[in-house]
Amino acid sequence: MAPAPFPVLLVPYDPEWPNLAKMLSGQLSVLGSALVLVHHIGSTSVPGLAAKPIIDLMPLVTSLSDLDRQLRRIESLGYVWHGELGIPGRRYCTLSDALGNRIAQLHFFAANSTHVVRHLAFRDYLRANPEERKAYEKEKQRARDLHPADSHAYTDEKAAWIQAAEIKALRWFELQKSQQLR
């Protein structure tokens, strides 16, 4: 079942977000050998970018079937398991505080998933390109202004911008990789 939409709160970048991401990532060690690596993704991973104060993590696992057997361990950390939730090859989980405010989201993928590069390219592209970061922040504010009370509509509203930026980010990412190989 999809989580209910919530109001969209964009706040200035908080330098504590990487520390919170590191702490939440460390808790995932309960997965043992099924966990390969955890990446901090999403807007809270991009210094200087306003964001919803929700930490997005992309834990990579040996396989989704290994992860599925660990469902109870994820739930024991307080996460709600939502399954694929519209993205084949993903397992999505949410964590809320005692007041019901969303504080973290897990986007699990198998370590060899094609989705991994897409997320890392977008994050790194925004980190390396201040003009694109500013443009994305402007798009986020526009989407929030149109849908201040509905996080799902907010996400849908900015989807076209993100898809176009992902194309540029993937080209940029591949160029960066090829330059490193030289």
N, C-alpha and C. Protein backbone atom coordinates (compact mmCIF):
# COMPACT_ATOMS: atom_id res chain seq x y z
N MET A 1 0.83 -1.18 0.00
CA MET A 1 0.00 0.00 0.00
C MET A 1 0.88 1.25 0.00
N ALA A 2 0.57 2.20 -0.85
CA ALA A 2 1.34 3.43 -0.94
C ALA A 2 1.14 4.28 0.30
N PRO A 3 2.23 4.92 0.76
CA PRO A 3 2.06 5.82 1.90
C PRO A 3 1.20 7.01 1.51
N ALA A 4 0.49 7.56 2.48
CA ALA A 4 -0.39 8.70 2.22
C ALA A 4 0.45 9.94 1.89
N PRO A 5 -0.07 10.82 1.04
CA PRO A 5 0.65 12.06 0.76
C PRO A 5 0.72 12.92 2.03
N PHE A 6 1.71 13.78 2.07
CA PHE A 6 1.87 14.67 3.21
C PHE A 6 2.23 16.05 2.69
N PRO A 7 2.10 17.10 3.53
CA PRO A 7 2.45 18.45 3.07
C PRO A 7 3.93 18.53 2.66
N VAL A 8 4.21 19.40 1.70
CA VAL A 8 5.56 19.56 1.18
C VAL A 8 6.24 20.72 1.90
N LEU A 9 7.27 20.38 2.65
CA LEU A 9 8.06 21.36 3.37
C LEU A 9 9.46 21.35 2.79
N LEU A 10 9.86 22.45 2.15
CA LEU A 10 11.22 22.59 1.66
C LEU A 10 11.97 23.49 2.62
N VAL A 11 13.14 23.04 3.04
CA VAL A 11 13.95 23.80 3.99
C VAL A 11 15.35 23.99 3.39
N PRO A 12 16.08 25.01 3.85
CA PRO A 12 17.45 25.19 3.38
C PRO A 12 18.30 23.96 3.72
N TYR A 13 19.36 23.74 2.94
CA TYR A 13 20.27 22.63 3.18
C TYR A 13 20.76 22.66 4.62
N ASP A 14 20.79 21.50 5.25
CA ASP A 14 21.26 21.35 6.63
C ASP A 14 22.54 20.52 6.62
N PRO A 15 23.67 21.08 7.07
CA PRO A 15 24.93 20.34 7.05
C PRO A 15 24.92 19.10 7.95
N GLU A 16 23.89 18.93 8.75
CA GLU A 16 23.77 17.73 9.59
C GLU A 16 23.19 16.54 8.82
N TRP A 17 22.60 16.78 7.65
CA TRP A 17 22.00 15.68 6.90
C TRP A 17 22.98 14.55 6.58
N PRO A 18 24.22 14.83 6.16
CA PRO A 18 25.14 13.71 5.92
C PRO A 18 25.40 12.88 7.18
N ASN A 19 25.46 13.54 8.35
CA ASN A 19 25.66 12.80 9.60
C ASN A 19 24.46 11.91 9.92
N LEU A 20 23.27 12.44 9.70
CA LEU A 20 22.07 11.64 9.92
C LEU A 20 22.03 10.46 8.95
N ALA A 21 22.41 10.71 7.70
CA ALA A 21 22.45 9.64 6.70
C ALA A 21 23.44 8.56 7.13
N LYS A 22 24.58 8.97 7.63
CA LYS A 22 25.59 8.00 8.08
C LYS A 22 25.07 7.16 9.25
N MET A 23 24.39 7.81 10.20
CA MET A 23 23.83 7.09 11.34
C MET A 23 22.77 6.08 10.89
N LEU A 24 21.86 6.53 10.02
CA LEU A 24 20.81 5.63 9.52
C LEU A 24 21.42 4.49 8.70
N SER A 25 22.45 4.80 7.93
CA SER A 25 23.13 3.77 7.13
C SER A 25 23.74 2.71 8.04
N GLY A 26 24.35 3.15 9.13
CA GLY A 26 24.96 2.23 10.08
C GLY A 26 23.97 1.25 10.68
N GLN A 27 22.75 1.70 10.90
CA GLN A 27 21.72 0.82 11.47
C GLN A 27 21.40 -0.35 10.54
N LEU A 28 21.62 -0.16 9.25
CA LEU A 28 21.30 -1.20 8.27
C LEU A 28 22.26 -2.38 8.32
N SER A 29 23.27 -2.28 9.16
CA SER A 29 24.19 -3.42 9.33
C SER A 29 23.46 -4.65 9.86
N VAL A 30 22.24 -4.47 10.37
CA VAL A 30 21.44 -5.64 10.82
C VAL A 30 21.18 -6.60 9.66
N LEU A 31 21.38 -6.14 8.43
CA LEU A 31 21.15 -7.00 7.27
C LEU A 31 22.31 -7.97 7.02
N GLY A 32 23.39 -7.79 7.74
CA GLY A 32 24.52 -8.70 7.61
C GLY A 32 25.08 -8.74 6.20
N SER A 33 25.40 -9.93 5.74
CA SER A 33 26.07 -10.07 4.45
C SER A 33 25.17 -9.77 3.25
N ALA A 34 23.88 -9.59 3.46
CA ALA A 34 22.98 -9.22 2.36
C ALA A 34 23.22 -7.77 1.93
N LEU A 35 23.74 -6.94 2.84
CA LEU A 35 24.00 -5.53 2.54
C LEU A 35 25.38 -5.37 1.92
N VAL A 36 25.43 -4.72 0.76
CA VAL A 36 26.69 -4.49 0.06
C VAL A 36 27.24 -3.10 0.40
N LEU A 37 26.40 -2.07 0.26
CA LEU A 37 26.83 -0.68 0.40
C LEU A 37 25.59 0.19 0.52
N VAL A 38 25.73 1.35 1.19
CA VAL A 38 24.61 2.29 1.29
C VAL A 38 25.06 3.64 0.75
N HIS A 39 24.29 4.20 -0.19
CA HIS A 39 24.56 5.53 -0.74
C HIS A 39 23.52 6.51 -0.21
N HIS A 40 23.96 7.72 0.13
CA HIS A 40 23.06 8.82 0.47
C HIS A 40 22.71 9.48 -0.86
N ILE A 41 21.43 9.50 -1.21
CA ILE A 41 20.98 10.07 -2.48
C ILE A 41 19.91 11.13 -2.19
N GLY A 42 19.30 11.63 -3.23
CA GLY A 42 18.23 12.60 -3.07
C GLY A 42 18.77 13.97 -2.73
N SER A 43 17.87 14.90 -2.55
CA SER A 43 18.25 16.31 -2.35
C SER A 43 19.05 16.55 -1.09
N THR A 44 18.82 15.78 -0.03
CA THR A 44 19.59 16.00 1.20
C THR A 44 21.05 15.61 1.03
N SER A 45 21.39 14.95 -0.07
CA SER A 45 22.79 14.55 -0.32
C SER A 45 23.53 15.58 -1.17
N VAL A 46 22.86 16.67 -1.53
CA VAL A 46 23.47 17.68 -2.40
C VAL A 46 23.67 18.97 -1.60
N PRO A 47 24.92 19.25 -1.18
CA PRO A 47 25.16 20.47 -0.41
C PRO A 47 24.65 21.72 -1.13
N GLY A 48 23.96 22.56 -0.34
CA GLY A 48 23.44 23.82 -0.87
C GLY A 48 22.06 23.75 -1.47
N LEU A 49 21.49 22.54 -1.59
CA LEU A 49 20.17 22.40 -2.22
C LEU A 49 19.08 22.33 -1.16
N ALA A 50 18.08 23.20 -1.28
CA ALA A 50 16.92 23.12 -0.39
C ALA A 50 16.23 21.78 -0.62
N ALA A 51 15.65 21.22 0.43
CA ALA A 51 15.07 19.89 0.32
C ALA A 51 13.97 19.69 1.35
N LYS A 52 13.15 18.68 1.10
CA LYS A 52 12.29 18.18 2.17
C LYS A 52 13.26 17.54 3.16
N PRO A 53 13.06 17.74 4.46
CA PRO A 53 14.00 17.20 5.44
C PRO A 53 13.80 15.68 5.65
N ILE A 54 13.97 14.94 4.58
CA ILE A 54 13.80 13.49 4.58
C ILE A 54 15.06 12.89 3.95
N ILE A 55 15.74 12.05 4.69
CA ILE A 55 16.97 11.44 4.20
C ILE A 55 16.62 10.27 3.28
N ASP A 56 17.11 10.32 2.05
CA ASP A 56 16.95 9.23 1.10
C ASP A 56 18.24 8.42 1.06
N LEU A 57 18.11 7.14 1.32
CA LEU A 57 19.25 6.23 1.24
C LEU A 57 18.97 5.19 0.18
N MET A 58 20.03 4.80 -0.51
CA MET A 58 19.93 3.73 -1.50
C MET A 58 20.85 2.59 -1.05
N PRO A 59 20.31 1.68 -0.24
CA PRO A 59 21.11 0.52 0.16
C PRO A 59 21.15 -0.48 -1.00
N LEU A 60 22.35 -0.97 -1.28
CA LEU A 60 22.52 -1.97 -2.32
C LEU A 60 22.70 -3.33 -1.63
N VAL A 61 22.01 -4.32 -2.17
CA VAL A 61 22.02 -5.64 -1.55
C VAL A 61 22.47 -6.70 -2.55
N THR A 62 22.86 -7.84 -2.03
CA THR A 62 23.32 -8.94 -2.88
C THR A 62 22.23 -9.37 -3.85
N SER A 63 21.00 -9.44 -3.35
CA SER A 63 19.85 -9.74 -4.21
C SER A 63 18.59 -9.34 -3.46
N LEU A 64 17.54 -9.07 -4.22
CA LEU A 64 16.27 -8.70 -3.58
C LEU A 64 15.67 -9.88 -2.82
N SER A 65 15.89 -11.09 -3.29
CA SER A 65 15.37 -12.24 -2.55
C SER A 65 16.07 -12.37 -1.20
N ASP A 66 17.38 -12.08 -1.14
CA ASP A 66 18.08 -12.06 0.15
C ASP A 66 17.47 -10.99 1.05
N LEU A 67 17.21 -9.81 0.48
CA LEU A 67 16.62 -8.72 1.25
C LEU A 67 15.23 -9.08 1.74
N ASP A 68 14.41 -9.64 0.86
CA ASP A 68 13.03 -9.98 1.24
C ASP A 68 12.99 -10.88 2.47
N ARG A 69 13.99 -11.74 2.60
CA ARG A 69 14.06 -12.60 3.79
C ARG A 69 14.42 -11.82 5.05
N GLN A 70 14.88 -10.58 4.88
CA GLN A 70 15.30 -9.74 6.00
C GLN A 70 14.23 -8.70 6.40
N LEU A 71 13.05 -8.82 5.83
CA LEU A 71 11.98 -7.84 6.05
C LEU A 71 11.78 -7.53 7.53
N ARG A 72 11.74 -8.52 8.38
CA ARG A 72 11.49 -8.29 9.82
C ARG A 72 12.60 -7.45 10.45
N ARG A 73 13.83 -7.61 9.97
CA ARG A 73 14.94 -6.82 10.52
C ARG A 73 14.77 -5.34 10.15
N ILE A 74 14.33 -5.08 8.95
CA ILE A 74 14.08 -3.69 8.52
C ILE A 74 12.95 -3.10 9.36
N GLU A 75 11.88 -3.86 9.51
CA GLU A 75 10.74 -3.39 10.31
C GLU A 75 11.13 -3.18 11.77
N SER A 76 12.08 -3.97 12.28
CA SER A 76 12.50 -3.81 13.68
C SER A 76 13.21 -2.48 13.91
N LEU A 77 13.70 -1.85 12.83
CA LEU A 77 14.32 -0.53 12.93
C LEU A 77 13.29 0.59 12.87
N GLY A 78 12.01 0.22 12.70
CA GLY A 78 10.94 1.21 12.65
C GLY A 78 10.45 1.56 11.26
N TYR A 79 11.02 0.94 10.24
CA TYR A 79 10.62 1.23 8.86
C TYR A 79 9.33 0.49 8.50
N VAL A 80 8.56 1.11 7.63
CA VAL A 80 7.37 0.48 7.05
C VAL A 80 7.79 0.01 5.65
N TRP A 81 7.52 -1.23 5.36
CA TRP A 81 7.89 -1.88 4.10
C TRP A 81 6.78 -1.68 3.09
N HIS A 82 7.10 -1.13 1.92
CA HIS A 82 6.09 -0.87 0.88
C HIS A 82 6.32 -1.70 -0.38
N GLY A 83 7.30 -2.58 -0.40
CA GLY A 83 7.58 -3.40 -1.57
C GLY A 83 8.14 -2.56 -2.72
N GLU A 84 7.84 -2.96 -3.94
CA GLU A 84 8.36 -2.25 -5.12
C GLU A 84 7.80 -0.84 -5.25
N LEU A 85 6.53 -0.69 -4.97
CA LEU A 85 5.81 0.58 -5.04
C LEU A 85 6.09 1.32 -6.36
N GLY A 86 5.80 0.64 -7.46
CA GLY A 86 5.84 1.27 -8.77
C GLY A 86 7.17 1.23 -9.49
N ILE A 87 8.22 0.75 -8.85
CA ILE A 87 9.52 0.66 -9.52
C ILE A 87 10.00 -0.78 -9.44
N PRO A 88 9.85 -1.51 -10.54
CA PRO A 88 10.32 -2.91 -10.54
C PRO A 88 11.80 -2.98 -10.17
N GLY A 89 12.13 -3.94 -9.33
CA GLY A 89 13.52 -4.12 -8.91
C GLY A 89 13.91 -3.28 -7.72
N ARG A 90 12.94 -2.61 -7.09
CA ARG A 90 13.21 -1.79 -5.90
C ARG A 90 12.41 -2.35 -4.73
N ARG A 91 12.90 -2.10 -3.54
CA ARG A 91 12.14 -2.28 -2.32
C ARG A 91 12.20 -0.93 -1.61
N TYR A 92 11.01 -0.41 -1.27
CA TYR A 92 10.89 0.93 -0.72
C TYR A 92 10.38 0.85 0.71
N CYS A 93 11.04 1.58 1.61
CA CYS A 93 10.66 1.59 3.02
C CYS A 93 10.69 3.03 3.53
N THR A 94 9.80 3.33 4.47
CA THR A 94 9.75 4.68 5.04
C THR A 94 9.90 4.62 6.56
N LEU A 95 10.47 5.68 7.11
CA LEU A 95 10.65 5.81 8.56
C LEU A 95 10.08 7.15 8.98
N SER A 96 9.23 7.13 10.00
CA SER A 96 8.64 8.36 10.52
C SER A 96 8.99 8.50 11.99
N ASP A 97 8.95 9.75 12.47
CA ASP A 97 9.22 9.99 13.89
C ASP A 97 7.93 9.75 14.69
N ALA A 98 8.00 9.97 15.99
CA ALA A 98 6.87 9.71 16.89
C ALA A 98 5.64 10.54 16.55
N LEU A 99 5.86 11.69 15.89
CA LEU A 99 4.74 12.56 15.51
C LEU A 99 4.17 12.21 14.14
N GLY A 100 4.76 11.22 13.48
CA GLY A 100 4.29 10.81 12.16
C GLY A 100 4.95 11.54 11.01
N ASN A 101 5.99 12.35 11.30
CA ASN A 101 6.70 13.06 10.24
C ASN A 101 7.71 12.12 9.59
N ARG A 102 7.67 12.02 8.27
CA ARG A 102 8.62 11.19 7.54
C ARG A 102 10.01 11.74 7.75
N ILE A 103 10.96 10.87 8.12
CA ILE A 103 12.34 11.32 8.33
C ILE A 103 13.34 10.61 7.42
N ALA A 104 12.96 9.43 6.90
CA ALA A 104 13.89 8.71 6.02
C ALA A 104 13.13 7.81 5.07
N GLN A 105 13.77 7.55 3.93
CA GLN A 105 13.23 6.63 2.93
C GLN A 105 14.39 5.76 2.44
N LEU A 106 14.11 4.48 2.32
CA LEU A 106 15.10 3.54 1.80
C LEU A 106 14.65 3.10 0.42
N HIS A 107 15.56 3.15 -0.52
CA HIS A 107 15.31 2.69 -1.89
C HIS A 107 16.31 1.56 -2.14
N PHE A 108 15.92 0.34 -1.77
CA PHE A 108 16.82 -0.81 -1.92
C PHE A 108 16.84 -1.27 -3.37
N PHE A 109 18.04 -1.57 -3.87
CA PHE A 109 18.23 -2.17 -5.18
C PHE A 109 19.30 -3.25 -5.06
N ALA A 110 19.23 -4.22 -5.94
CA ALA A 110 20.35 -5.16 -6.06
C ALA A 110 21.56 -4.36 -6.54
N ALA A 111 22.73 -4.75 -6.09
CA ALA A 111 23.95 -4.00 -6.40
C ALA A 111 24.18 -3.85 -7.90
N ASN A 112 23.68 -4.78 -8.69
CA ASN A 112 23.89 -4.72 -10.15
C ASN A 112 22.71 -4.08 -10.90
N SER A 113 21.81 -3.44 -10.20
CA SER A 113 20.63 -2.81 -10.83
C SER A 113 21.03 -1.61 -11.69
N THR A 114 20.35 -1.45 -12.82
CA THR A 114 20.58 -0.28 -13.67
C THR A 114 20.11 1.01 -13.00
N HIS A 115 19.25 0.92 -12.01
CA HIS A 115 18.78 2.12 -11.31
C HIS A 115 19.88 2.79 -10.50
N VAL A 116 20.89 2.03 -10.10
CA VAL A 116 21.94 2.57 -9.25
C VAL A 116 22.66 3.72 -9.95
N VAL A 117 23.10 3.51 -11.17
CA VAL A 117 23.84 4.54 -11.91
C VAL A 117 22.99 5.79 -12.09
N ARG A 118 21.73 5.61 -12.39
CA ARG A 118 20.83 6.76 -12.60
C ARG A 118 20.79 7.66 -11.36
N HIS A 119 20.63 7.05 -10.20
CA HIS A 119 20.57 7.83 -8.95
C HIS A 119 21.90 8.51 -8.64
N LEU A 120 23.00 7.78 -8.79
CA LEU A 120 24.32 8.34 -8.48
C LEU A 120 24.69 9.44 -9.48
N ALA A 121 24.37 9.23 -10.74
CA ALA A 121 24.67 10.25 -11.76
C ALA A 121 23.92 11.54 -11.46
N PHE A 122 22.64 11.45 -11.14
CA PHE A 122 21.84 12.63 -10.86
C PHE A 122 22.40 13.37 -9.65
N ARG A 123 22.70 12.64 -8.58
CA ARG A 123 23.25 13.26 -7.36
C ARG A 123 24.58 13.96 -7.67
N ASP A 124 25.49 13.24 -8.31
CA ASP A 124 26.82 13.79 -8.56
C ASP A 124 26.78 14.95 -9.54
N TYR A 125 25.89 14.88 -10.51
CA TYR A 125 25.71 15.96 -11.49
C TYR A 125 25.27 17.25 -10.78
N LEU A 126 24.31 17.13 -9.87
CA LEU A 126 23.85 18.31 -9.13
C LEU A 126 24.95 18.84 -8.21
N ARG A 127 25.71 17.95 -7.61
CA ARG A 127 26.82 18.40 -6.75
C ARG A 127 27.87 19.18 -7.54
N ALA A 128 28.11 18.76 -8.77
CA ALA A 128 29.18 19.35 -9.59
C ALA A 128 28.74 20.55 -10.42
N ASN A 129 27.44 20.78 -10.54
CA ASN A 129 26.93 21.83 -11.44
C ASN A 129 26.00 22.80 -10.69
N PRO A 130 26.57 23.89 -10.17
CA PRO A 130 25.76 24.83 -9.39
C PRO A 130 24.55 25.39 -10.14
N GLU A 131 24.68 25.61 -11.45
CA GLU A 131 23.55 26.16 -12.20
C GLU A 131 22.40 25.16 -12.28
N GLU A 132 22.71 23.90 -12.49
CA GLU A 132 21.67 22.87 -12.51
C GLU A 132 21.04 22.71 -11.13
N ARG A 133 21.87 22.80 -10.08
CA ARG A 133 21.37 22.70 -8.71
C ARG A 133 20.38 23.83 -8.45
N LYS A 134 20.74 25.06 -8.88
CA LYS A 134 19.83 26.20 -8.69
C LYS A 134 18.54 26.00 -9.49
N ALA A 135 18.67 25.50 -10.71
CA ALA A 135 17.49 25.26 -11.54
C ALA A 135 16.58 24.20 -10.91
N TYR A 136 17.18 23.18 -10.33
CA TYR A 136 16.38 22.13 -9.68
C TYR A 136 15.67 22.70 -8.45
N GLU A 137 16.37 23.52 -7.69
CA GLU A 137 15.73 24.12 -6.52
C GLU A 137 14.54 24.99 -6.93
N LYS A 138 14.71 25.72 -8.01
CA LYS A 138 13.61 26.55 -8.52
C LYS A 138 12.43 25.67 -8.95
N GLU A 139 12.72 24.55 -9.61
CA GLU A 139 11.66 23.61 -10.01
C GLU A 139 10.96 23.02 -8.81
N LYS A 140 11.72 22.66 -7.79
CA LYS A 140 11.13 22.12 -6.56
C LYS A 140 10.19 23.14 -5.91
N GLN A 141 10.62 24.40 -5.87
CA GLN A 141 9.79 25.45 -5.28
C GLN A 141 8.52 25.66 -6.10
N ARG A 142 8.66 25.61 -7.43
CA ARG A 142 7.48 25.75 -8.30
C ARG A 142 6.49 24.62 -8.04
N ALA A 143 6.98 23.39 -7.96
CA ALA A 143 6.12 22.23 -7.72
C ALA A 143 5.47 22.31 -6.33
N ARG A 144 6.25 22.73 -5.35
CA ARG A 144 5.71 22.89 -3.99
C ARG A 144 4.61 23.96 -3.96
N ASP A 145 4.84 25.08 -4.66
CA ASP A 145 3.85 26.15 -4.67
C ASP A 145 2.54 25.70 -5.32
N LEU A 146 2.63 24.81 -6.30
CA LEU A 146 1.43 24.28 -6.95
C LEU A 146 0.73 23.22 -6.10
N HIS A 147 1.50 22.46 -5.31
CA HIS A 147 0.94 21.32 -4.55
C HIS A 147 1.49 21.30 -3.12
N PRO A 148 1.22 22.36 -2.34
CA PRO A 148 1.83 22.44 -1.01
C PRO A 148 1.37 21.37 -0.03
N ALA A 149 0.21 20.79 -0.25
CA ALA A 149 -0.34 19.82 0.71
C ALA A 149 -0.28 18.38 0.22
N ASP A 150 0.34 18.14 -0.94
CA ASP A 150 0.30 16.79 -1.52
C ASP A 150 1.67 16.39 -2.08
N SER A 151 2.41 15.64 -1.28
CA SER A 151 3.77 15.24 -1.68
C SER A 151 3.77 14.38 -2.94
N HIS A 152 2.70 13.62 -3.18
CA HIS A 152 2.65 12.80 -4.39
C HIS A 152 2.50 13.67 -5.63
N ALA A 153 1.60 14.66 -5.57
CA ALA A 153 1.42 15.57 -6.70
C ALA A 153 2.68 16.40 -6.92
N TYR A 154 3.34 16.80 -5.85
CA TYR A 154 4.61 17.53 -5.93
C TYR A 154 5.64 16.71 -6.71
N THR A 155 5.76 15.44 -6.36
CA THR A 155 6.71 14.55 -7.03
C THR A 155 6.35 14.40 -8.50
N ASP A 156 5.07 14.20 -8.79
CA ASP A 156 4.63 14.07 -10.18
C ASP A 156 4.90 15.35 -10.96
N GLU A 157 4.69 16.49 -10.33
CA GLU A 157 4.86 17.79 -10.99
C GLU A 157 6.29 18.02 -11.47
N LYS A 158 7.26 17.59 -10.69
CA LYS A 158 8.66 17.83 -11.05
C LYS A 158 9.29 16.66 -11.81
N ALA A 159 8.53 15.63 -12.09
CA ALA A 159 9.06 14.43 -12.74
C ALA A 159 9.64 14.71 -14.13
N ALA A 160 8.98 15.52 -14.93
CA ALA A 160 9.48 15.80 -16.28
C ALA A 160 10.83 16.52 -16.22
N TRP A 161 10.96 17.46 -15.29
CA TRP A 161 12.23 18.17 -15.14
C TRP A 161 13.33 17.18 -14.76
N ILE A 162 13.03 16.30 -13.82
CA ILE A 162 14.01 15.31 -13.37
C ILE A 162 14.41 14.38 -14.51
N GLN A 163 13.45 13.92 -15.28
CA GLN A 163 13.76 13.01 -16.38
C GLN A 163 14.70 13.68 -17.39
N ALA A 164 14.45 14.94 -17.71
CA ALA A 164 15.32 15.66 -18.64
C ALA A 164 16.71 15.86 -18.03
N ALA A 165 16.76 16.18 -16.75
CA ALA A 165 18.05 16.37 -16.08
C ALA A 165 18.82 15.06 -15.96
N GLU A 166 18.10 13.96 -15.77
CA GLU A 166 18.77 12.65 -15.69
C GLU A 166 19.49 12.30 -16.99
N ILE A 167 18.91 12.66 -18.11
CA ILE A 167 19.56 12.40 -19.40
C ILE A 167 20.90 13.13 -19.46
N LYS A 168 20.89 14.42 -19.07
CA LYS A 168 22.12 15.20 -19.05
C LYS A 168 23.10 14.63 -18.02
N ALA A 169 22.57 14.23 -16.86
CA ALA A 169 23.41 13.71 -15.79
C ALA A 169 24.08 12.40 -16.21
N LEU A 170 23.36 11.54 -16.89
CA LEU A 170 23.95 10.27 -17.32
C LEU A 170 25.05 10.51 -18.36
N ARG A 171 24.83 11.45 -19.29
CA ARG A 171 25.88 11.79 -20.26
C ARG A 171 27.11 12.33 -19.54
N TRP A 172 26.89 13.24 -18.60
CA TRP A 172 27.97 13.83 -17.82
C TRP A 172 28.72 12.75 -17.03
N PHE A 173 27.97 11.85 -16.41
CA PHE A 173 28.55 10.78 -15.58
C PHE A 173 29.44 9.87 -16.43
N GLU A 174 28.96 9.51 -17.61
CA GLU A 174 29.75 8.66 -18.50
C GLU A 174 31.02 9.37 -18.95
N LEU A 175 30.92 10.67 -19.22
CA LEU A 175 32.09 11.46 -19.60
C LEU A 175 33.10 11.48 -18.45
N GLN A 176 32.62 11.66 -17.24
CA GLN A 176 33.51 11.67 -16.07
C GLN A 176 34.24 10.33 -15.94
N LYS A 177 33.49 9.25 -16.14
CA LYS A 177 34.10 7.91 -16.06
C LYS A 177 35.16 7.72 -17.13
N SER A 178 34.86 8.13 -18.34
CA SER A 178 35.81 7.94 -19.43
C SER A 178 37.06 8.77 -19.22
N GLN A 179 36.91 9.97 -18.65
CA GLN A 179 38.08 10.82 -18.37
C GLN A 179 38.94 10.23 -17.26
N GLN A 180 38.32 9.52 -16.33
CA GLN A 180 39.08 8.89 -15.24
C GLN A 180 39.89 7.70 -15.75
N LEU A 181 39.41 7.08 -16.81
CA LEU A 181 40.10 5.91 -17.36
C LEU A 181 41.32 6.30 -18.18
N ARG A 182 41.43 7.54 -18.57
CA ARG A 182 42.56 8.00 -19.40
C ARG A 182 43.83 8.10 -18.60
